[in-house]
Amino acid sequence: MKKKLMIASALVAGPKLLMLDEPAGGLDDDDQADLVALLGRLRDTGVTLLIIEHVLSLLRAVAPRMLIMSAGRILAEGPPSSVLSDPAVIEAYLGQGHGT
Protein backbone atom coordinates (compact mmCIF):
# COMPACT_ATOMS: atom_id res chain seq x y z
CA MET A 1 0.00 0.00 0.00
CA LYS A 2 2.80 2.41 0.91
CA LYS A 3 4.54 1.89 -2.44
CA LYS A 4 1.31 2.54 -4.35
CA LEU A 5 0.84 5.74 -2.37
CA MET A 6 4.38 6.85 -3.21
CA ILE A 7 3.78 6.18 -6.91
CA ALA A 8 0.44 8.00 -6.77
CA SER A 9 2.05 11.05 -5.17
CA ALA A 10 4.70 11.10 -7.93
CA LEU A 11 1.97 10.96 -10.58
CA VAL A 12 0.20 14.08 -9.29
CA ALA A 13 2.66 16.24 -11.24
CA GLY A 14 1.80 14.42 -14.50
CA PRO A 15 5.31 13.19 -15.31
CA LYS A 16 6.32 11.86 -18.71
CA LEU A 17 9.06 9.81 -17.01
CA LEU A 18 8.70 7.90 -13.74
CA MET A 19 11.88 6.49 -12.17
CA LEU A 20 11.46 3.66 -9.67
CA ASP A 21 14.19 2.03 -7.58
CA GLU A 22 13.26 -1.54 -6.69
CA PRO A 23 9.51 -0.97 -6.42
CA ALA A 24 8.85 -4.68 -5.76
CA GLY A 25 11.20 -4.84 -2.78
CA GLY A 26 9.41 -6.20 0.28
CA LEU A 27 6.17 -6.96 -1.56
CA ASP A 28 4.46 -10.34 -1.42
CA ASP A 29 3.25 -12.08 -4.59
CA ASP A 30 -0.22 -10.50 -4.50
CA ASP A 31 1.17 -7.00 -4.04
CA GLN A 32 3.71 -7.62 -6.81
CA ALA A 33 0.86 -8.63 -9.14
CA ASP A 34 -0.99 -5.43 -8.24
CA LEU A 35 2.18 -3.43 -8.92
CA VAL A 36 2.63 -5.10 -12.32
CA ALA A 37 -0.96 -4.17 -13.23
CA LEU A 38 -0.46 -0.57 -12.08
CA LEU A 39 2.82 -0.16 -13.96
CA GLY A 40 1.29 -1.71 -17.07
CA ARG A 41 -1.56 0.81 -16.97
CA LEU A 42 0.91 3.67 -16.54
CA ARG A 43 3.00 2.42 -19.46
CA ASP A 44 -0.12 2.15 -21.60
CA THR A 45 -0.99 5.80 -20.90
CA GLY A 46 2.37 6.91 -22.27
CA VAL A 47 4.37 7.34 -19.07
CA THR A 48 7.95 6.19 -19.63
CA LEU A 49 9.12 3.94 -16.82
CA LEU A 50 12.76 3.67 -15.77
CA ILE A 51 12.87 0.80 -13.29
CA ILE A 52 15.82 -0.52 -11.34
CA GLU A 53 14.66 -3.93 -10.16
CA HIS A 54 15.93 -7.39 -9.24
CA VAL A 55 12.52 -9.08 -9.56
CA LEU A 56 12.83 -10.16 -13.18
CA SER A 57 9.23 -11.40 -13.43
CA LEU A 58 8.06 -7.81 -12.85
CA LEU A 59 10.36 -6.50 -15.57
CA ARG A 60 9.33 -9.23 -18.02
CA ALA A 61 5.67 -8.37 -17.46
CA VAL A 62 6.02 -4.60 -17.76
CA ALA A 63 9.00 -3.78 -19.96
CA PRO A 64 8.85 -4.00 -23.75
CA ARG A 65 12.59 -3.14 -23.73
CA MET A 66 15.34 -3.69 -21.21
CA LEU A 67 18.83 -2.31 -20.76
CA ILE A 68 21.17 -4.25 -18.51
CA MET A 69 24.29 -2.64 -17.06
CA SER A 70 27.22 -3.97 -15.09
CA ALA A 71 30.16 -1.98 -13.72
CA GLY A 72 28.90 1.16 -15.43
CA ARG A 73 28.66 -0.24 -18.94
CA ILE A 74 25.76 -1.51 -21.03
CA LEU A 75 25.84 -5.28 -21.45
CA ALA A 76 22.68 -5.73 -23.52
CA GLU A 77 19.52 -3.96 -24.58
CA GLY A 78 16.38 -4.99 -26.41
CA PRO A 79 13.33 -7.17 -25.72
CA PRO A 80 13.42 -8.99 -22.36
CA SER A 81 13.58 -12.44 -23.96
CA SER A 82 16.80 -11.67 -25.84
CA VAL A 83 18.41 -9.55 -23.11
CA LEU A 84 17.87 -12.10 -20.36
CA SER A 85 19.32 -14.89 -22.50
CA ASP A 86 22.37 -12.83 -23.55
CA PRO A 87 25.59 -14.66 -22.55
CA ALA A 88 27.22 -11.44 -21.25
CA VAL A 89 24.24 -10.79 -18.95
CA ILE A 90 24.20 -14.37 -17.69
CA GLU A 91 27.95 -14.29 -17.05
CA ALA A 92 27.80 -10.96 -15.22
CA TYR A 93 24.90 -11.86 -12.95
CA LEU A 94 25.08 -15.64 -12.56
CA GLY A 95 28.72 -16.50 -13.29
CA GLN A 96 30.37 -19.05 -15.55
CA GLY A 97 28.51 -22.18 -16.49
CA HIS A 98 24.97 -20.89 -15.96
CA GLY A 99 24.34 -20.03 -19.60
CA THR A 100 25.11 -23.49 -20.93
C-alpha atoms as a PDB file:
ATOM      1  CA  MET A   1       0.000   0.000   0.000  1.00  0.00           C
ATOM      2  CA  LYS A   2       2.803   2.406   0.915  1.00  0.00           C
ATOM      3  CA  LYS A   3       4.541   1.886  -2.438  1.00  0.00           C
ATOM      4  CA  LYS A   4       1.309   2.537  -4.347  1.00  0.00           C
ATOM      5  CA  LEU A   5       0.843   5.744  -2.369  1.00  0.00           C
ATOM      6  CA  MET A   6       4.380   6.853  -3.209  1.00  0.00           C
ATOM      7  CA  ILE A   7       3.780   6.179  -6.915  1.00  0.00           C
ATOM      8  CA  ALA A   8       0.443   7.996  -6.775  1.00  0.00           C
ATOM      9  CA  SER A   9       2.052  11.045  -5.175  1.00  0.00           C
ATOM     10  CA  ALA A  10       4.698  11.101  -7.926  1.00  0.00           C
ATOM     11  CA  LEU A  11       1.966  10.961 -10.582  1.00  0.00           C
ATOM     12  CA  VAL A  12       0.202  14.079  -9.291  1.00  0.00           C
ATOM     13  CA  ALA A  13       2.663  16.236 -11.244  1.00  0.00           C
ATOM     14  CA  GLY A  14       1.800  14.424 -14.496  1.00  0.00           C
ATOM     15  CA  PRO A  15       5.314  13.194 -15.314  1.00  0.00           C
ATOM     16  CA  LYS A  16       6.324  11.860 -18.710  1.00  0.00           C
ATOM     17  CA  LEU A  17       9.063   9.805 -17.008  1.00  0.00           C
ATOM     18  CA  LEU A  18       8.704   7.895 -13.738  1.00  0.00           C
ATOM     19  CA  MET A  19      11.883   6.489 -12.171  1.00  0.00           C
ATOM     20  CA  LEU A  20      11.457   3.664  -9.671  1.00  0.00           C
ATOM     21  CA  ASP A  21      14.189   2.030  -7.582  1.00  0.00           C
ATOM     22  CA  GLU A  22      13.262  -1.544  -6.686  1.00  0.00           C
ATOM     23  CA  PRO A  23       9.513  -0.968  -6.420  1.00  0.00           C
ATOM     24  CA  ALA A  24       8.850  -4.675  -5.763  1.00  0.00           C
ATOM     25  CA  GLY A  25      11.196  -4.844  -2.780  1.00  0.00           C
ATOM     26  CA  GLY A  26       9.414  -6.198   0.281  1.00  0.00           C
ATOM     27  CA  LEU A  27       6.166  -6.958  -1.564  1.00  0.00           C
ATOM     28  CA  ASP A  28       4.456 -10.344  -1.416  1.00  0.00           C
ATOM     29  CA  ASP A  29       3.249 -12.083  -4.594  1.00  0.00           C
ATOM     30  CA  ASP A  30      -0.220 -10.496  -4.499  1.00  0.00           C
ATOM     31  CA  ASP A  31       1.175  -6.998  -4.038  1.00  0.00           C
ATOM     32  CA  GLN A  32       3.707  -7.616  -6.814  1.00  0.00           C
ATOM     33  CA  ALA A  33       0.864  -8.634  -9.138  1.00  0.00           C
ATOM     34  CA  ASP A  34      -0.992  -5.427  -8.241  1.00  0.00           C
ATOM     35  CA  LEU A  35       2.177  -3.425  -8.916  1.00  0.00           C
ATOM     36  CA  VAL A  36       2.626  -5.098 -12.320  1.00  0.00           C
ATOM     37  CA  ALA A  37      -0.958  -4.173 -13.231  1.00  0.00           C
ATOM     38  CA  LEU A  38      -0.463  -0.573 -12.079  1.00  0.00           C
ATOM     39  CA  LEU A  39       2.824  -0.163 -13.960  1.00  0.00           C
ATOM     40  CA  GLY A  40       1.289  -1.706 -17.072  1.00  0.00           C
ATOM     41  CA  ARG A  41      -1.559   0.811 -16.965  1.00  0.00           C
ATOM     42  CA  LEU A  42       0.913   3.672 -16.535  1.00  0.00           C
ATOM     43  CA  ARG A  43       3.004   2.421 -19.455  1.00  0.00           C
ATOM     44  CA  ASP A  44      -0.116   2.148 -21.602  1.00  0.00           C
ATOM     45  CA  THR A  45      -0.994   5.798 -20.901  1.00  0.00           C
ATOM     46  CA  GLY A  46       2.370   6.910 -22.273  1.00  0.00           C
ATOM     47  CA  VAL A  47       4.366   7.341 -19.073  1.00  0.00           C
ATOM     48  CA  THR A  48       7.950   6.188 -19.635  1.00  0.00           C
ATOM     49  CA  LEU A  49       9.124   3.939 -16.821  1.00  0.00           C
ATOM     50  CA  LEU A  50      12.761   3.666 -15.770  1.00  0.00           C
ATOM     51  CA  ILE A  51      12.867   0.799 -13.291  1.00  0.00           C
ATOM     52  CA  ILE A  52      15.824  -0.523 -11.336  1.00  0.00           C
ATOM     53  CA  GLU A  53      14.664  -3.926 -10.162  1.00  0.00           C
ATOM     54  CA  HIS A  54      15.933  -7.391  -9.240  1.00  0.00           C
ATOM     55  CA  VAL A  55      12.524  -9.078  -9.562  1.00  0.00           C
ATOM     56  CA  LEU A  56      12.825 -10.163 -13.183  1.00  0.00           C
ATOM     57  CA  SER A  57       9.234 -11.397 -13.430  1.00  0.00           C
ATOM     58  CA  LEU A  58       8.062  -7.814 -12.854  1.00  0.00           C
ATOM     59  CA  LEU A  59      10.359  -6.503 -15.570  1.00  0.00           C
ATOM     60  CA  ARG A  60       9.334  -9.235 -18.017  1.00  0.00           C
ATOM     61  CA  ALA A  61       5.672  -8.373 -17.456  1.00  0.00           C
ATOM     62  CA  VAL A  62       6.025  -4.600 -17.759  1.00  0.00           C
ATOM     63  CA  ALA A  63       8.997  -3.779 -19.963  1.00  0.00           C
ATOM     64  CA  PRO A  64       8.851  -3.999 -23.753  1.00  0.00           C
ATOM     65  CA  ARG A  65      12.588  -3.144 -23.731  1.00  0.00           C
ATOM     66  CA  MET A  66      15.342  -3.690 -21.209  1.00  0.00           C
ATOM     67  CA  LEU A  67      18.829  -2.306 -20.763  1.00  0.00           C
ATOM     68  CA  ILE A  68      21.174  -4.251 -18.508  1.00  0.00           C
ATOM     69  CA  MET A  69      24.290  -2.636 -17.056  1.00  0.00           C
ATOM     70  CA  SER A  70      27.223  -3.970 -15.088  1.00  0.00           C
ATOM     71  CA  ALA A  71      30.158  -1.980 -13.719  1.00  0.00           C
ATOM     72  CA  GLY A  72      28.899   1.159 -15.430  1.00  0.00           C
ATOM     73  CA  ARG A  73      28.657  -0.244 -18.935  1.00  0.00           C
ATOM     74  CA  ILE A  74      25.765  -1.509 -21.028  1.00  0.00           C
ATOM     75  CA  LEU A  75      25.838  -5.278 -21.455  1.00  0.00           C
ATOM     76  CA  ALA A  76      22.681  -5.731 -23.515  1.00  0.00           C
ATOM     77  CA  GLU A  77      19.520  -3.958 -24.582  1.00  0.00           C
ATOM     78  CA  GLY A  78      16.375  -4.991 -26.405  1.00  0.00           C
ATOM     79  CA  PRO A  79      13.327  -7.166 -25.718  1.00  0.00           C
ATOM     80  CA  PRO A  80      13.417  -8.991 -22.357  1.00  0.00           C
ATOM     81  CA  SER A  81      13.582 -12.445 -23.958  1.00  0.00           C
ATOM     82  CA  SER A  82      16.800 -11.666 -25.839  1.00  0.00           C
ATOM     83  CA  VAL A  83      18.407  -9.548 -23.114  1.00  0.00           C
ATOM     84  CA  LEU A  84      17.870 -12.103 -20.356  1.00  0.00           C
ATOM     85  CA  SER A  85      19.324 -14.890 -22.499  1.00  0.00           C
ATOM     86  CA  ASP A  86      22.371 -12.834 -23.548  1.00  0.00           C
ATOM     87  CA  PRO A  87      25.590 -14.658 -22.553  1.00  0.00           C
ATOM     88  CA  ALA A  88      27.220 -11.444 -21.249  1.00  0.00           C
ATOM     89  CA  VAL A  89      24.236 -10.792 -18.953  1.00  0.00           C
ATOM     90  CA  ILE A  90      24.197 -14.374 -17.690  1.00  0.00           C
ATOM     91  CA  GLU A  91      27.952 -14.293 -17.054  1.00  0.00           C
ATOM     92  CA  ALA A  92      27.803 -10.956 -15.219  1.00  0.00           C
ATOM     93  CA  TYR A  93      24.904 -11.861 -12.948  1.00  0.00           C
ATOM     94  CA  LEU A  94      25.077 -15.643 -12.558  1.00  0.00           C
ATOM     95  CA  GLY A  95      28.717 -16.503 -13.288  1.00  0.00           C
ATOM     96  CA  GLN A  96      30.371 -19.047 -15.552  1.00  0.00           C
ATOM     97  CA  GLY A  97      28.508 -22.180 -16.492  1.00  0.00           C
ATOM     98  CA  HIS A  98      24.971 -20.892 -15.959  1.00  0.00           C
ATOM     99  CA  GLY A  99      24.345 -20.032 -19.598  1.00  0.00           C
ATOM    100  CA  THR A 100      25.111 -23.495 -20.927  1.00  0.00           C
END
